[in-house]
Protein backbone atom coordinates (compact mmCIF):
# COMPACT_ATOMS: atom_id res chain seq x y z
CA MET A 1 28.19 -22.99 -22.99
CA HIS A 2 30.18 -20.67 -25.23
CA ILE A 3 28.44 -17.99 -27.29
CA ASP A 4 29.76 -16.18 -30.38
CA VAL A 5 28.11 -13.20 -32.05
CA GLU A 6 28.98 -11.88 -35.50
CA THR A 7 27.29 -9.69 -38.08
CA PHE A 8 26.66 -10.31 -41.76
CA THR A 9 25.18 -8.09 -44.46
CA VAL A 10 22.47 -9.25 -46.84
CA ASN A 11 21.46 -7.36 -49.97
CA LYS A 12 18.07 -7.55 -51.64
CA ARG A 13 17.81 -8.43 -55.29
CA PHE A 14 14.90 -6.00 -55.48
CA PRO A 15 14.58 -3.24 -52.83
CA LEU A 16 11.30 -3.51 -50.92
CA THR A 17 9.09 -0.45 -50.39
CA ILE A 18 6.29 -0.44 -47.83
CA SER A 19 4.28 2.42 -46.33
CA ARG A 20 7.14 3.26 -43.92
CA GLY A 21 10.02 3.34 -46.42
CA THR A 22 12.36 1.30 -48.61
CA THR A 23 14.93 -1.35 -47.62
CA ALA A 24 17.73 -2.50 -49.92
CA HIS A 25 20.05 -4.24 -47.45
CA THR A 26 20.40 -5.02 -43.75
CA GLU A 27 23.11 -6.06 -41.33
CA ASN A 28 21.91 -9.13 -39.46
CA ILE A 29 23.40 -10.99 -36.50
CA TRP A 30 24.48 -14.62 -36.34
CA VAL A 31 24.52 -16.19 -32.86
CA LYS A 32 26.35 -19.47 -32.26
CA ILE A 33 25.98 -21.47 -29.04
CA GLN A 34 28.48 -24.26 -28.35
CA ALA A 35 28.27 -26.98 -25.72
CA ASP A 36 29.19 -30.68 -25.57
CA GLY A 37 30.74 -30.48 -29.05
CA ILE A 38 27.43 -29.29 -30.59
CA GLU A 39 26.84 -25.85 -32.14
CA GLY A 40 23.41 -24.24 -32.37
CA TRP A 41 22.66 -21.26 -34.61
CA GLY A 42 20.29 -18.34 -34.35
CA GLU A 43 19.67 -15.08 -36.21
CA ALA A 44 18.58 -11.58 -35.27
CA SER A 45 17.50 -9.08 -37.91
CA PRO A 46 16.79 -5.39 -37.26
CA PHE A 47 13.32 -3.92 -37.59
CA GLY A 48 11.38 -0.83 -36.67
CA VAL A 49 7.70 -0.11 -36.00
CA GLY A 50 6.89 3.52 -35.23
CA ASN A 51 9.01 4.59 -32.26
CA HIS A 52 9.89 0.97 -31.54
CA ARG A 53 13.20 0.37 -33.28
CA GLN A 54 15.65 -2.50 -32.85
CA SER A 55 18.78 -1.61 -34.79
CA THR A 56 21.68 -3.98 -35.40
CA LEU A 57 23.79 -1.97 -32.97
CA ILE A 58 21.18 -2.13 -30.20
CA ILE A 59 20.67 -5.87 -30.68
CA LYS A 60 24.40 -6.66 -30.79
CA ASP A 61 25.24 -4.52 -27.76
CA SER A 62 22.50 -6.13 -25.71
CA LEU A 63 23.75 -9.61 -26.62
CA GLN A 64 27.33 -8.78 -25.74
CA GLN A 65 26.25 -7.46 -22.35
CA ILE A 66 24.32 -10.60 -21.45
CA ILE A 67 26.75 -13.19 -22.89
CA PRO A 68 29.01 -13.41 -19.78
CA THR A 69 25.97 -14.36 -17.69
CA LEU A 70 24.50 -16.77 -20.24
CA GLN A 71 27.78 -18.61 -20.67
CA SER A 72 27.54 -19.86 -17.09
CA PHE A 73 24.56 -22.01 -18.11
CA HIS A 74 24.15 -25.15 -20.20
CA PRO A 75 21.66 -25.09 -23.13
CA LEU A 76 19.49 -27.61 -21.27
CA GLN A 77 18.96 -25.10 -18.47
CA ARG A 78 16.22 -23.37 -20.43
CA GLN A 79 14.15 -22.20 -17.49
CA GLN A 80 17.06 -20.47 -15.81
CA ILE A 81 18.21 -18.94 -19.09
CA GLU A 82 14.73 -17.60 -19.86
CA GLN A 83 14.49 -16.06 -16.38
CA VAL A 84 17.78 -14.24 -16.89
CA VAL A 85 16.96 -13.08 -20.41
CA GLY A 86 13.49 -11.94 -19.40
CA GLY A 87 14.83 -10.05 -16.41
CA GLU A 88 17.28 -8.12 -18.55
CA LYS A 89 14.53 -6.83 -20.87
CA LEU A 90 16.57 -7.55 -23.98
CA PRO A 91 15.32 -6.52 -27.44
CA SER A 92 12.99 -9.21 -28.76
CA ALA A 93 15.24 -9.87 -31.78
CA ALA A 94 18.17 -10.61 -29.44
CA ILE A 95 16.02 -13.02 -27.44
CA ALA A 96 14.89 -14.63 -30.70
CA ALA A 97 18.46 -15.32 -31.79
CA VAL A 98 19.38 -16.98 -28.48
CA ASP A 99 16.12 -18.96 -28.34
CA MET A 100 16.57 -20.12 -31.94
CA ALA A 101 20.14 -21.21 -31.30
CA MET A 102 19.18 -23.20 -28.22
CA TYR A 103 16.46 -25.05 -30.14
CA ASP A 104 18.92 -25.75 -32.95
CA TRP A 105 21.36 -27.11 -30.37
CA LEU A 106 18.67 -29.29 -28.78
CA GLY A 107 17.53 -30.74 -32.10
CA LYS A 108 21.12 -31.60 -32.97
CA ARG A 109 21.59 -33.11 -29.53
CA VAL A 110 18.68 -35.54 -30.00
CA GLY A 111 19.29 -35.97 -33.74
CA LEU A 112 15.88 -34.77 -34.94
CA PRO A 113 14.61 -31.82 -36.98
CA LEU A 114 12.52 -29.52 -34.81
CA TRP A 115 9.28 -30.10 -36.72
CA GLN A 116 9.62 -33.83 -36.05
CA MET A 117 10.73 -33.34 -32.46
CA TRP A 118 7.49 -31.40 -31.88
CA GLY A 119 5.41 -34.04 -33.66
CA LEU A 120 4.25 -31.73 -36.44
CA ASP A 121 3.10 -32.77 -39.92
CA LYS A 122 5.08 -30.96 -42.58
CA ASN A 123 2.53 -32.09 -45.19
CA ALA A 124 0.16 -29.60 -43.52
CA ILE A 125 2.36 -26.62 -44.45
CA ALA A 126 0.50 -24.01 -46.52
CA PRO A 127 2.03 -22.29 -49.58
CA ILE A 128 3.96 -19.11 -48.91
CA SER A 129 3.08 -15.72 -50.30
CA VAL A 130 5.72 -13.60 -52.03
CA THR A 131 5.79 -9.84 -51.69
CA ILE A 132 5.10 -7.08 -54.19
CA GLY A 133 6.23 -3.80 -52.64
CA ILE A 134 4.73 -0.37 -53.24
CA ASN A 135 5.59 0.68 -56.77
CA THR A 136 4.24 2.25 -59.93
CA PRO A 137 1.73 0.08 -61.80
CA GLU A 138 4.36 -0.88 -64.38
CA GLY A 139 6.98 -1.47 -61.69
CA ALA A 140 4.55 -3.77 -59.89
CA ARG A 141 3.84 -5.67 -63.11
CA GLU A 142 7.57 -6.19 -63.61
CA ARG A 143 8.01 -7.44 -60.04
CA VAL A 144 5.21 -9.96 -60.55
CA ARG A 145 6.98 -11.21 -63.68
CA ASN A 146 10.24 -11.46 -61.75
CA TRP A 147 8.63 -13.70 -59.14
CA LEU A 148 6.87 -15.89 -61.69
CA GLU A 149 10.16 -16.41 -63.54
CA PHE A 150 11.91 -17.25 -60.26
CA ALA A 151 9.68 -20.05 -58.98
CA ASP A 152 6.28 -21.74 -59.02
CA ILE A 153 4.49 -18.99 -57.12
CA GLN A 154 0.88 -19.44 -55.99
CA ILE A 155 0.17 -16.41 -53.79
CA LEU A 156 1.07 -12.72 -53.92
CA LYS A 157 1.11 -10.40 -50.92
CA VAL A 158 0.77 -6.85 -52.18
CA LYS A 159 1.95 -3.93 -50.07
CA LEU A 160 -0.43 -0.98 -50.11
CA GLY A 161 -0.68 2.19 -48.03
CA SER A 162 1.10 4.33 -50.61
CA PRO A 163 1.97 7.87 -49.49
CA ASP A 164 0.30 8.95 -52.76
CA GLY A 165 -3.08 7.78 -51.43
CA ILE A 166 -5.58 5.04 -52.06
CA ALA A 167 -6.04 5.94 -55.73
CA ALA A 168 -2.38 5.00 -56.25
CA ASP A 169 -2.98 1.80 -54.27
CA GLN A 170 -5.90 0.90 -56.50
CA MET A 171 -4.02 1.52 -59.74
CA MET A 172 -1.08 -0.57 -58.59
CA LEU A 173 -3.25 -3.47 -57.41
CA GLN A 174 -5.23 -3.50 -60.64
CA ALA A 175 -1.95 -3.79 -62.55
CA VAL A 176 -0.90 -6.72 -60.38
CA ARG A 177 -4.22 -8.50 -60.92
CA GLU A 178 -4.00 -7.98 -64.68
CA GLU A 179 -0.46 -9.41 -64.71
CA ALA A 180 -1.40 -12.46 -62.62
CA PRO A 181 -5.17 -12.93 -62.87
CA THR A 182 -5.21 -16.49 -61.53
CA LEU A 183 -3.05 -16.02 -58.43
CA GLU A 184 -4.49 -15.57 -54.96
CA VAL A 185 -3.74 -12.12 -53.51
CA TYR A 186 -3.35 -10.92 -49.94
CA ILE A 187 -3.05 -7.25 -48.93
CA ASP A 188 -0.78 -5.64 -46.33
CA ALA A 189 -1.17 -1.91 -45.72
CA ASN A 190 1.54 -1.75 -43.00
CA GLY A 191 -0.56 0.82 -41.16
CA GLY A 192 -0.66 3.14 -44.15
CA TRP A 193 -4.38 4.02 -44.03
CA ASN A 194 -6.64 6.04 -41.79
CA VAL A 195 -10.01 4.64 -40.67
CA GLU A 196 -12.00 6.12 -43.54
CA ASN A 197 -9.59 4.88 -46.20
CA ALA A 198 -9.25 1.48 -44.54
CA ILE A 199 -13.00 0.92 -44.65
CA ALA A 200 -13.26 2.13 -48.24
CA MET A 201 -10.34 -0.05 -49.35
CA CYS A 202 -11.62 -3.17 -47.57
CA ARG A 203 -14.93 -2.85 -49.39
CA TRP A 204 -13.23 -2.21 -52.73
CA LEU A 205 -10.81 -5.10 -52.21
CA ALA A 206 -13.61 -7.52 -51.34
CA ASP A 207 -15.12 -6.99 -54.78
CA LEU A 208 -11.78 -8.10 -56.28
CA GLY A 209 -11.75 -11.39 -54.39
CA ILE A 210 -8.90 -10.49 -52.04
CA LYS A 211 -8.40 -13.00 -49.20
CA TYR A 212 -7.66 -10.69 -46.25
CA VAL A 213 -6.26 -7.29 -45.25
CA GLU A 214 -3.31 -6.97 -42.88
CA GLN A 215 -2.56 -4.03 -40.57
CA PRO A 216 -4.94 -1.45 -42.08
CA LEU A 217 -4.23 1.12 -39.34
CA PRO A 218 -0.97 2.35 -37.79
CA ARG A 219 0.30 0.85 -34.54
CA GLY A 220 -1.14 2.97 -31.74
CA GLU A 221 -4.59 3.27 -33.31
CA GLU A 222 -5.87 -0.12 -32.19
CA GLN A 223 -8.92 1.52 -30.59
CA HIS A 224 -10.24 2.15 -34.13
CA LEU A 225 -9.92 -1.47 -35.29
CA LYS A 226 -13.46 -2.16 -34.08
CA SER A 227 -14.88 0.33 -36.60
CA VAL A 228 -12.84 -1.20 -39.43
CA LYS A 229 -13.79 -4.77 -38.58
CA GLN A 230 -17.48 -3.92 -38.27
CA SER A 231 -17.45 -2.32 -41.72
CA SER A 232 -15.09 -4.68 -43.52
CA PRO A 233 -16.34 -7.66 -45.53
CA LEU A 234 -12.77 -9.03 -45.40
CA PRO A 235 -10.89 -10.64 -42.49
CA ILE A 236 -8.55 -8.25 -40.65
CA PHE A 237 -5.09 -9.36 -39.52
CA VAL A 238 -2.66 -7.37 -37.38
CA ASP A 239 1.12 -7.36 -37.49
CA GLU A 240 2.68 -4.19 -36.10
CA SER A 241 -0.06 -4.02 -33.46
CA CYS A 242 0.78 -7.45 -32.00
CA PHE A 243 4.21 -8.38 -30.64
CA HIS A 244 3.56 -10.93 -27.89
CA SER A 245 0.94 -13.27 -26.44
CA GLN A 246 -0.29 -10.64 -24.00
CA ASP A 247 -1.24 -8.35 -26.90
CA ILE A 248 -3.73 -10.83 -28.32
CA PRO A 249 -6.56 -10.84 -25.75
CA GLN A 250 -7.10 -7.09 -25.96
CA LEU A 251 -7.22 -7.22 -29.78
CA ALA A 252 -9.15 -10.45 -30.24
CA ASP A 253 -12.64 -8.96 -30.52
CA TYR A 254 -11.59 -6.57 -33.31
CA ILE A 255 -9.48 -8.80 -35.57
CA ASP A 256 -9.57 -12.15 -37.33
CA GLY A 257 -5.90 -13.12 -37.16
CA VAL A 258 -2.35 -12.25 -36.12
CA ASN A 259 0.96 -12.17 -37.98
CA ILE A 260 3.63 -13.75 -35.78
CA LYS A 261 7.27 -12.91 -36.46
CA LEU A 262 10.21 -14.40 -34.59
CA MET A 263 11.94 -11.04 -34.26
CA LYS A 264 8.86 -9.41 -32.73
CA SER A 265 7.89 -12.30 -30.48
CA GLY A 266 11.33 -13.19 -29.19
CA GLY A 267 11.78 -16.56 -30.85
CA LEU A 268 10.18 -19.96 -31.29
CA THR A 269 9.17 -20.34 -27.65
CA GLU A 270 7.01 -17.21 -27.61
CA ALA A 271 5.80 -17.87 -31.17
CA MET A 272 4.33 -21.16 -29.96
CA GLY A 273 2.71 -19.35 -27.06
CA MET A 274 1.20 -16.84 -29.48
CA VAL A 275 -0.19 -19.61 -31.67
CA HIS A 276 -1.97 -21.20 -28.72
CA THR A 277 -3.23 -17.85 -27.42
CA ALA A 278 -4.56 -16.90 -30.84
CA ARG A 279 -6.31 -20.25 -31.27
CA ALA A 280 -7.87 -19.95 -27.80
CA HIS A 281 -9.44 -16.68 -29.00
CA GLY A 282 -10.68 -18.19 -32.25
CA LEU A 283 -8.15 -16.33 -34.40
CA GLN A 284 -6.20 -17.39 -37.45
CA VAL A 285 -2.41 -17.45 -37.54
CA MET A 286 0.17 -16.21 -40.01
CA PHE A 287 3.96 -16.39 -39.79
CA GLY A 288 5.90 -13.49 -41.30
CA CYS A 289 9.42 -12.13 -41.54
CA TYR A 290 11.52 -8.99 -41.82
CA SER A 291 14.82 -8.96 -43.75
CA ASP A 292 15.57 -12.44 -42.47
CA SER A 293 17.96 -14.85 -44.14
CA THR A 294 17.37 -18.55 -44.70
CA LEU A 295 18.48 -19.14 -41.10
CA ALA A 296 15.55 -17.36 -39.42
CA ASN A 297 12.98 -18.35 -42.05
CA THR A 298 13.97 -22.01 -41.76
CA ALA A 299 13.48 -21.67 -38.00
CA ALA A 300 10.00 -20.21 -38.53
CA VAL A 301 9.04 -22.91 -41.01
CA GLN A 302 9.64 -25.56 -38.32
CA LEU A 303 6.37 -24.30 -36.81
CA ALA A 304 4.66 -23.78 -40.16
CA PRO A 305 2.23 -26.72 -39.82
CA LEU A 306 0.51 -24.68 -37.09
CA ALA A 307 -0.17 -21.66 -39.35
CA ASP A 308 -2.99 -20.82 -41.74
CA TYR A 309 -0.87 -18.43 -43.84
CA LEU A 310 2.87 -18.10 -44.42
CA ASP A 311 4.73 -14.98 -45.49
CA LEU A 312 8.30 -16.27 -45.31
CA ASP A 313 9.85 -15.03 -48.53
CA SER A 314 12.52 -12.51 -47.45
CA HIS A 315 15.44 -14.88 -48.04
CA LEU A 316 14.25 -15.58 -51.59
CA ASN A 317 14.97 -11.94 -52.45
CA LEU A 318 18.59 -12.00 -51.24
CA ILE A 319 21.55 -12.11 -53.59
CA ASP A 320 24.06 -13.13 -50.89
CA ASP A 321 22.23 -15.30 -48.38
CA PRO A 322 24.98 -17.07 -46.37
CA PHE A 323 22.81 -20.08 -45.49
CA THR A 324 20.90 -23.00 -46.95
CA GLY A 325 17.99 -24.72 -45.24
CA ALA A 326 14.29 -24.88 -46.08
CA THR A 327 13.55 -25.36 -49.77
CA LEU A 328 10.81 -23.97 -52.00
CA GLU A 329 8.84 -26.78 -53.65
CA LYS A 330 5.72 -26.02 -55.70
CA GLY A 331 5.12 -22.82 -53.81
CA ARG A 332 5.64 -24.36 -50.36
CA LEU A 333 8.63 -23.65 -48.12
CA LEU A 334 9.52 -26.99 -46.55
CA PRO A 335 11.99 -27.89 -43.79
CA ASN A 336 14.48 -30.65 -44.46
CA ASN A 337 15.23 -33.76 -42.40
CA LEU A 338 18.54 -32.58 -40.92
CA PRO A 339 18.65 -32.28 -37.11
CA GLY A 340 17.80 -29.01 -35.39
CA LEU A 341 16.95 -26.23 -37.78
CA GLY A 342 18.57 -28.04 -40.69
CA VAL A 343 20.55 -24.94 -41.68
CA GLN A 344 24.05 -25.06 -43.16
CA LYS A 345 26.57 -22.48 -44.32
CA ARG A 346 26.92 -21.98 -48.06
CA ALA A 347 30.32 -23.21 -49.20
CA SER A 348 30.72 -20.19 -51.53
CA ILE A 349 30.35 -17.65 -48.69
CA THR A 350 33.51 -17.03 -46.68
């Protein structure tokens, strides 16, 4: 097979601020695998969690180093390819792009969308949440209005963990609830609280009817999740604390669910493994994203019937997304019936 790698820049309509900083644009990577006259596509987007950082440069360099070896295989030689990729210890986002592209190739080869090839029911796909980043109360109100003007939104995910403290978090969330009193709200602290504040906020949030709290503590403080879970009336999900299937068993007793992201996990193959591992431990499942375009989010939505919650809105906030694929219909992100991922290049993007 032949593999091409190129970069593309995507800019956010509204910069997103979380507890770790603000993002306005990213340089993502487009991987194309060609064999037997069929081309499969995958995407890698950069991300960072604490000291774990996968920059565009790191991801691209790792792909370019492994391409000469991978090109000696055919896309149907998945086991051999996975052994090589695993042995090289590539960044998970690089693995995700290759894995995604091979699945896209396979779906096109058999002429079926992935969700159908896997026998999944796309009518079981839950509505997605859309994100309200850390902001002033008035800024948060305006962002809620922006989303409601954009589409038929049903669920808001509000980012808390403000560096100004939990009082600032509370003021912002109250503004959001006043602006959209009928919408369901989820909370993601991105590790922005300590144990004391996490417990206090979970109790306060429960009184407001919040559905769950995600990543209350920073990555590296998982030993304190037990205290938070024991004191919290709300379900606790983890994101930054859980990259792969092997992370789940050691966390399972102290959480209620996991947020699976293709860039963290290393693609659709490992994401499926994480779903099954989570279910075996009685946990709920969420699919999330970083600064992913339609390409990666359409890949994730192929598995969406397996998830309880979906946070796949990053592409909706892009002003120059190069791709088309899954469509937003009445608050639900749905895959189409095209083979593979069902992703195409926008004609207006050169």
